[in-house]
């Protein structure tokens, strides 16, 4: 799978995904900082990238219907410090082998993943 890590998340996410056998790059590797949501999501669609982000706008299924995208992973966590985010993501990476993400929205919380789409 191919992942695009948004600029609001630690770059270590890409390392974790690559170690697990996936392709991953950060938004900053492809675009200068501060690109609009529409530019980022268009890049993901064109390249077949699953977007990994803290931006809750992407959790709005009316604006971003999951079936129209390669996959969306939105973090909705209480703490957003780097260490905590990495700890949460380390628990998520193995789930990628068991649960499909294409055409789905994963809302990632500390203790669970809510999955929308794919119906």
C-alpha atoms as a PDB file:
ATOM      1  CA  UNK A   1       0.000   0.000   0.000  1.00  0.00           C
ATOM      2  CA  UNK A   2       1.025   3.595  -0.584  1.00  0.00           C
ATOM      3  CA  UNK A   3       0.651   6.224   2.133  1.00  0.00           C
ATOM      4  CA  UNK A   4       0.948  10.002   2.253  1.00  0.00           C
ATOM      5  CA  UNK A   5       1.716  11.371   5.725  1.00  0.00           C
ATOM      6  CA  UNK A   6       0.265  14.848   6.273  1.00  0.00           C
ATOM      7  CA  UNK A   7       2.522  17.638   7.503  1.00  0.00           C
ATOM      8  CA  UNK A   8       0.752  17.648  10.879  1.00  0.00           C
ATOM      9  CA  UNK A   9       2.075  14.184  11.809  1.00  0.00           C
ATOM     10  CA  UNK A  10       5.552  12.929  12.743  1.00  0.00           C
ATOM     11  CA  UNK A  11       7.737  11.893   9.823  1.00  0.00           C
ATOM     12  CA  UNK A  12       8.452   8.711  11.783  1.00  0.00           C
ATOM     13  CA  UNK A  13       5.060   7.451  10.568  1.00  0.00           C
ATOM     14  CA  UNK A  14       6.629   6.974   7.137  1.00  0.00           C
ATOM     15  CA  UNK A  15       9.475   4.951   8.671  1.00  0.00           C
ATOM     16  CA  UNK A  16       7.009   2.693  10.514  1.00  0.00           C
ATOM     17  CA  UNK A  17       5.069   2.031   7.320  1.00  0.00           C
ATOM     18  CA  UNK A  18       8.192   1.392   5.250  1.00  0.00           C
ATOM     19  CA  UNK A  19       9.458  -1.060   7.881  1.00  0.00           C
ATOM     20  CA  UNK A  20       6.103  -2.873   7.603  1.00  0.00           C
ATOM     21  CA  UNK A  21       6.600  -3.225   3.837  1.00  0.00           C
ATOM     22  CA  UNK A  22       4.518  -0.308   2.579  1.00  0.00           C
ATOM     23  CA  UNK A  23       5.419   2.743   0.537  1.00  0.00           C
ATOM     24  CA  UNK A  24       5.197   6.035   2.401  1.00  0.00           C
ATOM     25  CA  UNK A  25       6.149   9.642   1.926  1.00  0.00           C
ATOM     26  CA  UNK A  26       5.337  12.860   3.671  1.00  0.00           C
ATOM     27  CA  UNK A  27       3.333  15.694   2.150  1.00  0.00           C
ATOM     28  CA  UNK A  28       6.387  17.915   2.616  1.00  0.00           C
ATOM     29  CA  UNK A  29       8.461  15.649   0.362  1.00  0.00           C
ATOM     30  CA  UNK A  30       6.125  16.454  -2.517  1.00  0.00           C
ATOM     31  CA  UNK A  31       4.710  19.898  -1.713  1.00  0.00           C
ATOM     32  CA  UNK A  32       5.852  22.971   0.132  1.00  0.00           C
ATOM     33  CA  UNK A  33       4.198  23.402   3.518  1.00  0.00           C
ATOM     34  CA  UNK A  34       0.720  24.844   3.789  1.00  0.00           C
ATOM     35  CA  UNK A  35      -0.997  23.361   0.741  1.00  0.00           C
ATOM     36  CA  UNK A  36      -4.778  23.320   0.803  1.00  0.00           C
ATOM     37  CA  UNK A  37      -6.773  20.201   1.620  1.00  0.00           C
ATOM     38  CA  UNK A  38      -7.972  20.005  -1.994  1.00  0.00           C
ATOM     39  CA  UNK A  39      -4.393  19.970  -3.350  1.00  0.00           C
ATOM     40  CA  UNK A  40      -3.357  17.289  -0.856  1.00  0.00           C
ATOM     41  CA  UNK A  41      -6.335  15.023  -1.486  1.00  0.00           C
ATOM     42  CA  UNK A  42      -6.064  15.439  -5.275  1.00  0.00           C
ATOM     43  CA  UNK A  43      -2.419  14.373  -5.064  1.00  0.00           C
ATOM     44  CA  UNK A  44      -3.452  11.322  -3.050  1.00  0.00           C
ATOM     45  CA  UNK A  45      -6.143  10.344  -5.538  1.00  0.00           C
ATOM     46  CA  UNK A  46      -3.862  10.770  -8.562  1.00  0.00           C
ATOM     47  CA  UNK A  47      -1.054   8.808  -6.934  1.00  0.00           C
ATOM     48  CA  UNK A  48      -3.208   6.182  -5.226  1.00  0.00           C
ATOM     49  CA  UNK A  49      -2.033   7.256  -1.764  1.00  0.00           C
ATOM     50  CA  UNK A  50      -3.881   6.620   1.481  1.00  0.00           C
ATOM     51  CA  UNK A  51      -3.898   9.900   3.401  1.00  0.00           C
ATOM     52  CA  UNK A  52      -2.830   9.799   7.069  1.00  0.00           C
ATOM     53  CA  UNK A  53      -3.711  13.020   8.909  1.00  0.00           C
ATOM     54  CA  UNK A  54      -4.806  14.809  12.047  1.00  0.00           C
ATOM     55  CA  UNK A  55      -7.028  17.116   9.977  1.00  0.00           C
ATOM     56  CA  UNK A  56     -10.586  16.342  11.102  1.00  0.00           C
ATOM     57  CA  UNK A  57     -11.990  17.931   7.927  1.00  0.00           C
ATOM     58  CA  UNK A  58     -11.156  14.653   6.160  1.00  0.00           C
ATOM     59  CA  UNK A  59     -13.437  12.776   8.606  1.00  0.00           C
ATOM     60  CA  UNK A  60     -16.477  14.543   7.114  1.00  0.00           C
ATOM     61  CA  UNK A  61     -17.939  11.841   4.863  1.00  0.00           C
ATOM     62  CA  UNK A  62     -20.198  14.374   3.140  1.00  0.00           C
ATOM     63  CA  UNK A  63     -17.198  16.392   1.959  1.00  0.00           C
ATOM     64  CA  UNK A  64     -14.903  13.371   1.507  1.00  0.00           C
ATOM     65  CA  UNK A  65     -16.981  10.254   0.754  1.00  0.00           C
ATOM     66  CA  UNK A  66     -14.618   7.374   1.585  1.00  0.00           C
ATOM     67  CA  UNK A  67     -15.493   5.356  -1.500  1.00  0.00           C
ATOM     68  CA  UNK A  68     -14.019   8.106  -3.703  1.00  0.00           C
ATOM     69  CA  UNK A  69     -10.539   7.857  -2.172  1.00  0.00           C
ATOM     70  CA  UNK A  70      -7.757   5.263  -1.896  1.00  0.00           C
ATOM     71  CA  UNK A  71      -8.245   5.457   1.872  1.00  0.00           C
ATOM     72  CA  UNK A  72      -8.324   8.003   4.677  1.00  0.00           C
ATOM     73  CA  UNK A  73      -6.810   7.615   8.138  1.00  0.00           C
ATOM     74  CA  UNK A  74      -7.770  10.447  10.491  1.00  0.00           C
ATOM     75  CA  UNK A  75      -6.345  10.628  13.998  1.00  0.00           C
ATOM     76  CA  UNK A  76      -8.738  11.776  16.680  1.00  0.00           C
ATOM     77  CA  UNK A  77      -6.664  11.537  19.807  1.00  0.00           C
ATOM     78  CA  UNK A  78      -6.696  13.417  23.097  1.00  0.00           C
ATOM     79  CA  UNK A  79      -2.964  14.104  23.117  1.00  0.00           C
ATOM     80  CA  UNK A  80      -1.173  15.149  19.968  1.00  0.00           C
ATOM     81  CA  UNK A  81       2.417  15.152  21.161  1.00  0.00           C
ATOM     82  CA  UNK A  82       4.866  13.298  18.938  1.00  0.00           C
ATOM     83  CA  UNK A  83       5.562  10.418  21.313  1.00  0.00           C
ATOM     84  CA  UNK A  84       1.879   9.682  21.903  1.00  0.00           C
ATOM     85  CA  UNK A  85       1.023   9.820  18.194  1.00  0.00           C
ATOM     86  CA  UNK A  86       3.813   7.388  17.366  1.00  0.00           C
ATOM     87  CA  UNK A  87       2.678   4.995  20.122  1.00  0.00           C
ATOM     88  CA  UNK A  88      -0.889   5.019  18.785  1.00  0.00           C
ATOM     89  CA  UNK A  89       0.278   4.539  15.193  1.00  0.00           C
ATOM     90  CA  UNK A  90       2.497   1.602  16.175  1.00  0.00           C
ATOM     91  CA  UNK A  91      -0.686  -0.194  17.265  1.00  0.00           C
ATOM     92  CA  UNK A  92      -2.458   0.695  14.016  1.00  0.00           C
ATOM     93  CA  UNK A  93       0.156  -0.520  11.511  1.00  0.00           C
ATOM     94  CA  UNK A  94      -0.438  -4.267  12.157  1.00  0.00           C
ATOM     95  CA  UNK A  95      -4.183  -3.768  11.619  1.00  0.00           C
ATOM     96  CA  UNK A  96      -3.442  -2.857   7.989  1.00  0.00           C
ATOM     97  CA  UNK A  97      -2.744  -6.543   7.335  1.00  0.00           C
ATOM     98  CA  UNK A  98      -6.176  -7.575   8.648  1.00  0.00           C
ATOM     99  CA  UNK A  99      -8.580  -4.811   7.664  1.00  0.00           C
ATOM    100  CA  UNK A 100      -9.111  -3.287   4.228  1.00  0.00           C
ATOM    101  CA  UNK A 101      -8.654   0.464   3.940  1.00  0.00           C
ATOM    102  CA  UNK A 102      -9.310   1.132   0.275  1.00  0.00           C
ATOM    103  CA  UNK A 103     -12.460   3.240  -0.056  1.00  0.00           C
ATOM    104  CA  UNK A 104     -12.751   3.526   3.710  1.00  0.00           C
ATOM    105  CA  UNK A 105     -12.286   6.137   6.401  1.00  0.00           C
ATOM    106  CA  UNK A 106     -10.438   4.990   9.500  1.00  0.00           C
ATOM    107  CA  UNK A 107     -10.933   7.244  12.510  1.00  0.00           C
ATOM    108  CA  UNK A 108      -8.102   6.355  14.835  1.00  0.00           C
ATOM    109  CA  UNK A 109      -8.505   6.900  18.554  1.00  0.00           C
ATOM    110  CA  UNK A 110      -6.306   5.806  21.444  1.00  0.00           C
ATOM    111  CA  UNK A 111      -8.124   2.524  22.052  1.00  0.00           C
ATOM    112  CA  UNK A 112     -10.054   1.828  18.863  1.00  0.00           C
ATOM    113  CA  UNK A 113     -10.381   2.341  15.132  1.00  0.00           C
ATOM    114  CA  UNK A 114     -13.784   3.268  13.741  1.00  0.00           C
ATOM    115  CA  UNK A 115     -14.187   2.334  10.080  1.00  0.00           C
ATOM    116  CA  UNK A 116     -16.648   4.016   7.725  1.00  0.00           C
ATOM    117  CA  UNK A 117     -17.349   3.192   4.094  1.00  0.00           C
ATOM    118  CA  UNK A 118     -16.834   0.073   2.064  1.00  0.00           C
ATOM    119  CA  UNK A 119     -20.503  -0.840   2.276  1.00  0.00           C
END
